[in-house]
Amino acid sequence: MTEHAIAGSPYAFYAFYCLYRHFFQGPGHGITLSAICEKLYPNNHINVNEKTSLFITWKKRSHSKHDYLLRGCIGTFSKLPLEVGIGRFALVAALEDTRFSPISENELPNLKCYCNILQNFETIFSSLKKTDTQHDIFNWTIGKHGIELKFRDPSNNRLRSATFLPDVMVEQGWDKEDTFKNLLEKAGCVSNINDIMNNYEQYFIEVIRYEGNKSSINYKDFKNGLDRISRKH
């Protein structure tokens, strides 16, 4: 009898496994990303050593049981080998996001893990390269692209930067101008926001759009997959 495919993706599953192993199995090699692909996602052909940018997000089921609330989200634009990056930031996002207390072992059954592999980076505005294709801060699509903004804060001349992943704008109901205003605020710019937007060519240094390959898995589906792997050993 052929078993049903496990929900989620090898990326999200491996991220959840890294946190699970942190609590129950301690350090060590454990189950590799390659083994997860082979045993649970045989149709996913990935290069575990491919270098990529990524973000890991943890959400926790609310008291209503229908919604998941943010519990931690951290990632990197540095390009790390896929397996290394997922393993590292699964734990950093769960345990070191300073906006939240570290996730505890007893929260695992209520967690959902999201893994967002970032790709197709493209500069759409550059203060250094003013070409037609690099001089339009609105040349991106809500729901498809994430945005990274680098700018100079007029209040102290400091360089600042911030980013939002592709789904943030949809979740918040922002248009493109709203997105930039919130990026400025996220980066620590608490004044002059309207002035910066009205004169963005003077203050913006670079705007980069990118896409995300996002997948997720909840605890129940993760445990089903883990149990299946255990039976195959």
Protein backbone atom coordinates (compact mmCIF):
# COMPACT_ATOMS: atom_id res chain seq x y z
CA MET A 1 0.00 0.00 0.00
CA THR A 2 1.39 3.39 -1.01
CA GLU A 3 1.54 5.91 1.83
CA HIS A 4 0.11 9.37 1.36
CA ALA A 5 2.57 12.21 0.85
CA ILE A 6 3.52 14.20 3.94
CA ALA A 7 2.20 17.76 3.99
CA GLY A 8 4.53 20.72 3.75
CA SER A 9 7.96 20.55 2.16
CA PRO A 10 11.39 19.16 3.04
CA TYR A 11 12.47 22.70 3.93
CA ALA A 12 9.75 23.32 6.51
CA PHE A 13 9.96 19.76 7.82
CA TYR A 14 13.71 20.01 8.37
CA ALA A 15 13.33 23.37 10.14
CA PHE A 16 10.74 21.86 12.51
CA TYR A 17 12.95 18.83 13.03
CA CYS A 18 15.91 21.02 14.04
CA LEU A 19 13.86 22.62 16.83
CA TYR A 20 12.42 19.25 17.87
CA ARG A 21 15.93 17.78 18.04
CA HIS A 22 17.07 20.75 20.12
CA PHE A 23 14.63 19.74 22.86
CA PHE A 24 14.59 15.95 22.64
CA GLN A 25 17.78 14.64 21.08
CA GLY A 26 20.46 17.19 21.76
CA PRO A 27 23.34 18.00 19.39
CA GLY A 28 24.45 15.59 16.72
CA HIS A 29 23.86 14.74 13.10
CA GLY A 30 20.36 13.29 13.45
CA ILE A 31 18.26 13.12 10.30
CA THR A 32 19.71 14.98 7.33
CA LEU A 33 17.83 17.10 4.83
CA SER A 34 18.82 14.59 2.14
CA ALA A 35 17.30 11.72 4.14
CA ILE A 36 14.08 13.70 4.63
CA CYS A 37 13.82 14.27 0.89
CA GLU A 38 14.50 10.62 0.12
CA LYS A 39 12.08 9.16 2.67
CA LEU A 40 9.23 11.69 2.72
CA TYR A 41 9.48 13.88 -0.38
CA PRO A 42 10.99 11.68 -3.13
CA ASN A 43 9.70 13.98 -5.87
CA ASN A 44 11.61 16.97 -4.48
CA HIS A 45 15.06 17.03 -6.02
CA ILE A 46 17.08 19.64 -4.16
CA ASN A 47 20.75 20.38 -3.73
CA VAL A 48 21.31 20.60 0.04
CA ASN A 49 24.55 22.51 -0.56
CA GLU A 50 22.98 25.16 -2.79
CA LYS A 51 23.63 28.59 -1.29
CA THR A 52 20.52 30.66 -0.73
CA SER A 53 18.93 33.38 1.38
CA LEU A 54 16.04 32.37 3.61
CA PHE A 55 13.74 33.25 6.50
CA ILE A 56 12.24 30.94 9.11
CA THR A 57 8.97 31.90 10.81
CA TRP A 58 7.34 30.27 13.82
CA LYS A 59 3.67 30.81 14.62
CA LYS A 60 1.65 29.49 17.55
CA ARG A 61 -1.99 28.46 17.50
CA SER A 62 -4.15 30.99 19.30
CA HIS A 63 -6.69 30.21 22.00
CA SER A 64 -9.40 30.20 19.34
CA LYS A 65 -7.55 27.28 17.67
CA HIS A 66 -8.22 28.78 14.23
CA ASP A 67 -5.48 31.39 13.95
CA TYR A 68 -1.72 31.25 14.31
CA LEU A 69 0.08 34.18 15.91
CA LEU A 70 3.69 35.17 15.25
CA ARG A 71 6.13 33.57 17.68
CA GLY A 72 9.45 34.34 15.99
CA CYS A 73 10.87 35.22 12.59
CA ILE A 74 14.51 35.67 11.62
CA GLY A 75 16.46 34.99 8.46
CA THR A 76 19.39 36.14 6.39
CA PHE A 77 20.15 37.66 3.02
CA SER A 78 23.60 36.13 3.16
CA LYS A 79 23.74 33.05 0.99
CA LEU A 80 24.35 29.93 3.08
CA PRO A 81 24.25 26.25 2.07
CA LEU A 82 20.57 25.24 2.22
CA GLU A 83 20.90 22.65 4.98
CA VAL A 84 23.17 24.86 7.09
CA GLY A 85 20.96 27.92 6.72
CA ILE A 86 17.71 26.17 7.59
CA GLY A 87 19.27 24.41 10.57
CA ARG A 88 20.79 27.59 11.94
CA PHE A 89 17.85 29.94 11.52
CA ALA A 90 15.22 27.45 12.63
CA LEU A 91 16.79 27.75 16.07
CA VAL A 92 17.66 31.45 15.89
CA ALA A 93 14.08 32.36 14.95
CA ALA A 94 12.66 30.13 17.70
CA LEU A 95 15.04 31.02 20.50
CA GLU A 96 16.68 34.38 19.77
CA ASP A 97 14.03 36.72 18.35
CA THR A 98 14.24 39.48 20.95
CA ARG A 99 10.61 40.46 20.43
CA PHE A 100 9.53 37.23 22.11
CA SER A 101 10.58 34.89 24.89
CA PRO A 102 12.33 31.74 23.62
CA ILE A 103 9.98 29.00 22.44
CA SER A 104 9.67 26.25 25.05
CA GLU A 105 9.31 22.50 24.63
CA ASN A 106 5.67 22.44 25.75
CA GLU A 107 4.71 24.82 22.93
CA LEU A 108 5.71 22.41 20.16
CA PRO A 109 2.23 20.83 19.63
CA ASN A 110 0.77 24.28 18.92
CA LEU A 111 3.45 25.47 16.51
CA LYS A 112 3.52 25.90 12.76
CA CYS A 113 6.79 26.41 10.94
CA TYR A 114 7.19 28.42 7.75
CA CYS A 115 10.31 28.31 5.59
CA ASN A 116 10.74 30.96 2.92
CA ILE A 117 13.54 30.36 0.41
CA LEU A 118 14.36 33.71 -1.21
CA GLN A 119 15.28 33.99 -4.88
CA ASN A 120 15.24 36.18 -8.00
CA PHE A 121 16.76 39.27 -6.38
CA GLU A 122 16.61 42.36 -8.61
CA THR A 123 17.58 45.97 -7.95
CA ILE A 124 14.74 48.26 -9.08
CA PHE A 125 16.19 51.51 -7.71
CA SER A 126 19.79 52.54 -7.24
CA SER A 127 21.12 55.99 -6.43
CA LEU A 128 24.34 54.94 -8.14
CA LYS A 129 22.90 53.41 -11.32
CA LYS A 130 20.11 55.59 -12.64
CA THR A 131 18.98 53.47 -15.58
CA ASP A 132 15.37 52.98 -16.68
CA THR A 133 15.25 49.54 -15.08
CA GLN A 134 16.84 50.70 -11.83
CA HIS A 135 14.96 53.87 -11.09
CA ASP A 136 11.38 52.89 -10.26
CA ILE A 137 10.68 52.10 -6.60
CA PHE A 138 7.17 50.91 -7.48
CA ASN A 139 8.26 48.32 -10.05
CA TRP A 140 7.08 45.32 -8.02
CA THR A 141 3.92 43.33 -7.40
CA ILE A 142 2.13 43.04 -4.06
CA GLY A 143 1.80 39.40 -3.06
CA LYS A 144 4.63 38.30 -5.37
CA HIS A 145 7.63 40.34 -4.29
CA GLY A 146 9.35 41.08 -1.02
CA ILE A 147 11.12 44.44 -0.70
CA GLU A 148 14.46 45.39 0.82
CA LEU A 149 15.11 49.11 1.32
CA LYS A 150 18.44 50.79 2.04
CA PHE A 151 18.36 54.52 2.76
CA ARG A 152 20.04 57.40 4.55
CA ASP A 153 18.25 58.78 7.62
CA PRO A 154 18.11 62.59 7.23
CA SER A 155 17.95 63.15 10.99
CA ASN A 156 21.45 61.75 11.63
CA ASN A 157 22.80 60.77 8.19
CA ARG A 158 22.98 57.09 9.26
CA LEU A 159 22.58 54.28 6.75
CA ARG A 160 19.55 52.13 7.57
CA SER A 161 17.83 49.13 6.00
CA ALA A 162 14.75 46.97 6.42
CA THR A 163 12.81 44.32 4.54
CA PHE A 164 9.35 42.80 4.35
CA LEU A 165 8.71 39.31 2.99
CA PRO A 166 6.19 38.97 0.13
CA ASP A 167 3.21 37.94 2.28
CA VAL A 168 3.51 40.80 4.80
CA MET A 169 1.98 43.43 2.54
CA VAL A 170 -1.01 41.22 1.80
CA GLU A 171 -1.54 40.34 5.48
CA GLN A 172 -1.39 44.02 6.50
CA GLY A 173 -3.45 45.35 3.61
CA TRP A 174 -0.74 47.80 2.57
CA ASP A 175 -0.34 49.44 -0.81
CA LYS A 176 3.14 50.16 -2.15
CA GLU A 177 3.52 53.57 -0.50
CA ASP A 178 2.32 52.13 2.81
CA THR A 179 4.98 49.45 2.46
CA PHE A 180 7.80 51.97 2.11
CA LYS A 181 6.55 54.07 5.02
CA ASN A 182 6.46 50.98 7.21
CA LEU A 183 9.92 49.95 6.02
CA LEU A 184 11.24 53.36 7.06
CA GLU A 185 9.64 52.96 10.48
CA LYS A 186 10.85 49.38 10.87
CA ALA A 187 14.40 50.52 10.16
CA GLY A 188 14.19 52.94 13.08
CA CYS A 189 13.24 56.15 11.31
CA VAL A 190 10.55 57.66 13.54
CA SER A 191 10.33 61.14 12.01
CA ASN A 192 10.48 62.79 8.59
CA ILE A 193 8.81 59.76 6.97
CA ASN A 194 6.56 61.82 4.69
CA ASP A 195 9.45 64.10 3.76
CA ILE A 196 11.61 61.10 2.88
CA MET A 197 8.87 59.64 0.68
CA ASN A 198 8.28 62.95 -1.06
CA ASN A 199 12.01 63.23 -1.78
CA TYR A 200 12.96 59.56 -1.95
CA GLU A 201 15.49 60.09 -4.74
CA GLN A 202 17.51 62.15 -2.27
CA TYR A 203 17.44 59.58 0.55
CA PHE A 204 16.90 56.12 -0.94
CA ILE A 205 20.11 54.27 -1.77
CA GLU A 206 18.80 50.97 -3.08
CA VAL A 207 15.49 49.13 -3.43
CA ILE A 208 15.64 45.41 -4.13
CA ARG A 209 12.70 43.20 -4.98
CA TYR A 210 12.77 39.43 -4.56
CA GLU A 211 10.50 36.41 -4.59
CA GLY A 212 9.94 33.75 -1.97
CA ASN A 213 9.33 30.01 -2.21
CA LYS A 214 7.27 29.58 0.96
CA SER A 215 6.15 26.34 2.58
CA SER A 216 4.86 25.37 6.00
CA ILE A 217 4.11 22.42 8.26
CA ASN A 218 2.23 22.07 11.54
CA TYR A 219 3.21 19.84 14.44
CA LYS A 220 0.73 17.07 13.65
CA ASP A 221 2.01 16.64 10.09
CA PHE A 222 5.60 16.93 11.26
CA LYS A 223 5.13 14.15 13.83
CA ASN A 224 3.42 11.94 11.25
CA GLY A 225 6.45 12.33 9.02
CA LEU A 226 8.89 11.76 11.85
CA ASP A 227 7.09 8.59 12.86
CA ARG A 228 7.21 7.36 9.28
CA ILE A 229 10.96 7.92 9.11
CA SER A 230 11.40 6.06 12.42
CA ARG A 231 9.48 3.06 11.09
CA LYS A 232 11.77 2.90 8.05
CA HIS A 233 14.97 2.74 10.10
